[in-house]
């Protein structure tokens, strides 16, 4: 089970206790929480590097302001997180619950050098030239 955020150290401890048989539970994929409002782009990059050094592979859900939408500071920090995560192997989860927040998240990802952008580009190249045929049930 992928943890949805919270302190990385606590998520790692929970995973380790389950794996050691100290408590019963599912297999845990630990994540680390990061709040955009508490960081500058540089401090957010540092936080992502710390997560990677602890073995964290995912951020917790990063919430974007839903209405009227994320501020430019939030987007700038999110871009830094996406870029640094791409460099150190930490995947970023975003919690965007409004159309402006969703569009801002997509735009932030498309404007950085994230690996997800590379995958999207390579997926386009491998698409079939004709639409798939319909199958009967």
C-alpha atoms as a PDB file:
ATOM      1  CA  UNK A   1       0.000   0.000   0.000  1.00  0.00           C
ATOM      2  CA  UNK A   2       1.354   3.418  -0.960  1.00  0.00           C
ATOM      3  CA  UNK A   3       1.230   5.775   1.995  1.00  0.00           C
ATOM      4  CA  UNK A   4      -0.432   9.067   1.089  1.00  0.00           C
ATOM      5  CA  UNK A   5       1.977  11.361   2.886  1.00  0.00           C
ATOM      6  CA  UNK A   6       2.898  12.305   6.400  1.00  0.00           C
ATOM      7  CA  UNK A   7       6.357  12.245   7.908  1.00  0.00           C
ATOM      8  CA  UNK A   8       8.745  10.079   5.894  1.00  0.00           C
ATOM      9  CA  UNK A   9      10.486   8.778   9.019  1.00  0.00           C
ATOM     10  CA  UNK A  10       7.200   7.499  10.471  1.00  0.00           C
ATOM     11  CA  UNK A  11       6.240   5.805   7.204  1.00  0.00           C
ATOM     12  CA  UNK A  12       9.651   4.115   7.017  1.00  0.00           C
ATOM     13  CA  UNK A  13       9.361   2.952  10.647  1.00  0.00           C
ATOM     14  CA  UNK A  14       5.896   1.509   9.962  1.00  0.00           C
ATOM     15  CA  UNK A  15       7.195  -0.339   6.888  1.00  0.00           C
ATOM     16  CA  UNK A  16      10.164  -1.712   8.819  1.00  0.00           C
ATOM     17  CA  UNK A  17       8.029  -2.899  11.762  1.00  0.00           C
ATOM     18  CA  UNK A  18       5.667  -4.734   9.411  1.00  0.00           C
ATOM     19  CA  UNK A  19       8.561  -6.303   7.471  1.00  0.00           C
ATOM     20  CA  UNK A  20      10.235  -7.412  10.738  1.00  0.00           C
ATOM     21  CA  UNK A  21       6.990  -9.008  11.939  1.00  0.00           C
ATOM     22  CA  UNK A  22       6.680  -6.690  14.952  1.00  0.00           C
ATOM     23  CA  UNK A  23       3.170  -5.715  13.818  1.00  0.00           C
ATOM     24  CA  UNK A  24       0.758  -7.091  11.236  1.00  0.00           C
ATOM     25  CA  UNK A  25      -0.019  -5.018   8.181  1.00  0.00           C
ATOM     26  CA  UNK A  26       0.195  -4.748   4.403  1.00  0.00           C
ATOM     27  CA  UNK A  27       3.374  -4.116   2.450  1.00  0.00           C
ATOM     28  CA  UNK A  28       3.999  -0.365   2.792  1.00  0.00           C
ATOM     29  CA  UNK A  29       5.572   1.827   0.128  1.00  0.00           C
ATOM     30  CA  UNK A  30       6.606   4.828   2.219  1.00  0.00           C
ATOM     31  CA  UNK A  31       6.216   8.390   1.015  1.00  0.00           C
ATOM     32  CA  UNK A  32       7.185  11.748   2.453  1.00  0.00           C
ATOM     33  CA  UNK A  33       4.994  14.791   2.874  1.00  0.00           C
ATOM     34  CA  UNK A  34       5.897  18.227   1.575  1.00  0.00           C
ATOM     35  CA  UNK A  35       3.777  21.386   1.784  1.00  0.00           C
ATOM     36  CA  UNK A  36       4.221  23.991  -0.913  1.00  0.00           C
ATOM     37  CA  UNK A  37       3.384  26.873   1.441  1.00  0.00           C
ATOM     38  CA  UNK A  38       6.306  25.978   3.730  1.00  0.00           C
ATOM     39  CA  UNK A  39       8.978  25.986   1.022  1.00  0.00           C
ATOM     40  CA  UNK A  40      10.810  28.044  -1.528  1.00  0.00           C
ATOM     41  CA  UNK A  41      11.868  26.286  -4.723  1.00  0.00           C
ATOM     42  CA  UNK A  42      15.381  25.771  -3.303  1.00  0.00           C
ATOM     43  CA  UNK A  43      14.216  24.418   0.061  1.00  0.00           C
ATOM     44  CA  UNK A  44      11.719  22.130  -1.717  1.00  0.00           C
ATOM     45  CA  UNK A  45      14.529  20.732  -3.891  1.00  0.00           C
ATOM     46  CA  UNK A  46      16.542  20.060  -0.730  1.00  0.00           C
ATOM     47  CA  UNK A  47      13.562  18.300   0.872  1.00  0.00           C
ATOM     48  CA  UNK A  48      13.202  16.043  -2.208  1.00  0.00           C
ATOM     49  CA  UNK A  49      16.922  15.193  -2.046  1.00  0.00           C
ATOM     50  CA  UNK A  50      16.518  14.287   1.658  1.00  0.00           C
ATOM     51  CA  UNK A  51      13.592  12.003   0.785  1.00  0.00           C
ATOM     52  CA  UNK A  52      15.655  10.286  -1.896  1.00  0.00           C
ATOM     53  CA  UNK A  53      18.554   9.787   0.528  1.00  0.00           C
ATOM     54  CA  UNK A  54      16.129   8.026   2.949  1.00  0.00           C
ATOM     55  CA  UNK A  55      14.955   5.708   0.166  1.00  0.00           C
ATOM     56  CA  UNK A  56      11.598   7.425  -0.392  1.00  0.00           C
ATOM     57  CA  UNK A  57      10.320   6.911  -3.948  1.00  0.00           C
ATOM     58  CA  UNK A  58       7.085   8.966  -3.767  1.00  0.00           C
ATOM     59  CA  UNK A  59       5.974  12.250  -2.279  1.00  0.00           C
ATOM     60  CA  UNK A  60       2.740  12.352  -0.369  1.00  0.00           C
ATOM     61  CA  UNK A  61      -0.085  14.166  -2.096  1.00  0.00           C
ATOM     62  CA  UNK A  62       0.939  17.776  -2.655  1.00  0.00           C
ATOM     63  CA  UNK A  63      -2.179  19.918  -2.349  1.00  0.00           C
ATOM     64  CA  UNK A  64      -2.735  22.804  -4.731  1.00  0.00           C
ATOM     65  CA  UNK A  65      -5.027  25.713  -3.873  1.00  0.00           C
ATOM     66  CA  UNK A  66      -8.318  24.808  -5.577  1.00  0.00           C
ATOM     67  CA  UNK A  67     -10.023  28.227  -5.858  1.00  0.00           C
ATOM     68  CA  UNK A  68      -9.165  30.554  -7.429  1.00  0.00           C
ATOM     69  CA  UNK A  69      -6.247  28.259  -8.292  1.00  0.00           C
ATOM     70  CA  UNK A  70      -2.603  27.884  -7.267  1.00  0.00           C
ATOM     71  CA  UNK A  71      -0.490  31.011  -6.878  1.00  0.00           C
ATOM     72  CA  UNK A  72       2.580  31.580  -9.009  1.00  0.00           C
ATOM     73  CA  UNK A  73       4.719  30.814  -5.912  1.00  0.00           C
ATOM     74  CA  UNK A  74       2.998  27.414  -5.542  1.00  0.00           C
ATOM     75  CA  UNK A  75       3.541  26.618  -9.222  1.00  0.00           C
ATOM     76  CA  UNK A  76       7.191  27.705  -9.114  1.00  0.00           C
ATOM     77  CA  UNK A  77       7.791  25.471  -6.078  1.00  0.00           C
ATOM     78  CA  UNK A  78       5.899  22.574  -7.692  1.00  0.00           C
ATOM     79  CA  UNK A  79       8.062  22.892 -10.828  1.00  0.00           C
ATOM     80  CA  UNK A  80      11.189  22.700  -8.657  1.00  0.00           C
ATOM     81  CA  UNK A  81       9.811  19.592  -6.890  1.00  0.00           C
ATOM     82  CA  UNK A  82       8.955  17.929 -10.201  1.00  0.00           C
ATOM     83  CA  UNK A  83      12.359  18.730 -11.656  1.00  0.00           C
ATOM     84  CA  UNK A  84      14.325  17.571  -8.606  1.00  0.00           C
ATOM     85  CA  UNK A  85      12.154  14.481  -8.216  1.00  0.00           C
ATOM     86  CA  UNK A  86      12.934  13.564 -11.796  1.00  0.00           C
ATOM     87  CA  UNK A  87      16.665  13.923 -11.142  1.00  0.00           C
ATOM     88  CA  UNK A  88      16.744  11.816  -7.951  1.00  0.00           C
ATOM     89  CA  UNK A  89      14.029   9.249  -8.671  1.00  0.00           C
ATOM     90  CA  UNK A  90      11.209  10.536  -6.439  1.00  0.00           C
ATOM     91  CA  UNK A  91       7.776  10.436  -8.077  1.00  0.00           C
ATOM     92  CA  UNK A  92       5.454  13.317  -7.271  1.00  0.00           C
ATOM     93  CA  UNK A  93       1.777  12.956  -6.333  1.00  0.00           C
ATOM     94  CA  UNK A  94      -0.407  16.049  -6.677  1.00  0.00           C
ATOM     95  CA  UNK A  95      -3.848  16.577  -5.135  1.00  0.00           C
ATOM     96  CA  UNK A  96      -5.657  18.950  -7.502  1.00  0.00           C
ATOM     97  CA  UNK A  97      -9.411  19.143  -6.862  1.00  0.00           C
ATOM     98  CA  UNK A  98     -10.502  21.927  -9.202  1.00  0.00           C
ATOM     99  CA  UNK A  99     -10.124  22.591 -12.905  1.00  0.00           C
ATOM    100  CA  UNK A 100      -7.689  25.508 -12.325  1.00  0.00           C
ATOM    101  CA  UNK A 101      -5.564  23.358  -9.999  1.00  0.00           C
ATOM    102  CA  UNK A 102      -5.580  20.418 -12.427  1.00  0.00           C
ATOM    103  CA  UNK A 103      -4.572  22.593 -15.367  1.00  0.00           C
ATOM    104  CA  UNK A 104      -1.844  24.254 -13.284  1.00  0.00           C
ATOM    105  CA  UNK A 105      -0.439  20.835 -12.305  1.00  0.00           C
ATOM    106  CA  UNK A 106      -0.408  19.646 -15.921  1.00  0.00           C
ATOM    107  CA  UNK A 107       1.198  22.891 -17.086  1.00  0.00           C
ATOM    108  CA  UNK A 108       3.828  22.698 -14.337  1.00  0.00           C
ATOM    109  CA  UNK A 109       4.755  19.164 -15.374  1.00  0.00           C
ATOM    110  CA  UNK A 110       4.882  20.053 -19.065  1.00  0.00           C
ATOM    111  CA  UNK A 111       7.151  23.043 -18.451  1.00  0.00           C
ATOM    112  CA  UNK A 112       9.884  21.165 -16.574  1.00  0.00           C
ATOM    113  CA  UNK A 113      12.333  18.496 -17.652  1.00  0.00           C
ATOM    114  CA  UNK A 114      10.415  15.695 -15.899  1.00  0.00           C
ATOM    115  CA  UNK A 115      10.713  12.081 -16.968  1.00  0.00           C
ATOM    116  CA  UNK A 116       6.919  11.864 -17.247  1.00  0.00           C
ATOM    117  CA  UNK A 117       7.112  14.384 -20.068  1.00  0.00           C
ATOM    118  CA  UNK A 118       9.635  12.165 -21.829  1.00  0.00           C
ATOM    119  CA  UNK A 119       7.347   9.148 -21.446  1.00  0.00           C
ATOM    120  CA  UNK A 120       4.405  11.085 -22.857  1.00  0.00           C
ATOM    121  CA  UNK A 121       6.496  12.113 -25.850  1.00  0.00           C
ATOM    122  CA  UNK A 122       7.757   8.584 -26.487  1.00  0.00           C
ATOM    123  CA  UNK A 123       4.238   7.167 -26.095  1.00  0.00           C
ATOM    124  CA  UNK A 124       3.039   9.417 -28.885  1.00  0.00           C
ATOM    125  CA  UNK A 125       5.672   8.013 -31.213  1.00  0.00           C
ATOM    126  CA  UNK A 126       4.617   4.427 -30.571  1.00  0.00           C
ATOM    127  CA  UNK A 127       0.891   4.992 -31.105  1.00  0.00           C
ATOM    128  CA  UNK A 128      -0.802   3.079 -33.891  1.00  0.00           C
ATOM    129  CA  UNK A 129      -1.407   4.976 -37.093  1.00  0.00           C
ATOM    130  CA  UNK A 130      -4.991   3.713 -37.235  1.00  0.00           C
ATOM    131  CA  UNK A 131      -7.480   3.464 -34.374  1.00  0.00           C
ATOM    132  CA  UNK A 132      -7.789   0.080 -32.659  1.00  0.00           C
ATOM    133  CA  UNK A 133     -10.530  -2.196 -33.951  1.00  0.00           C
ATOM    134  CA  UNK A 134     -13.637  -2.671 -31.896  1.00  0.00           C
ATOM    135  CA  UNK A 135     -14.010  -6.094 -30.314  1.00  0.00           C
ATOM    136  CA  UNK A 136     -17.263  -7.914 -29.850  1.00  0.00           C
ATOM    137  CA  UNK A 137     -18.106  -9.087 -26.339  1.00  0.00           C
END
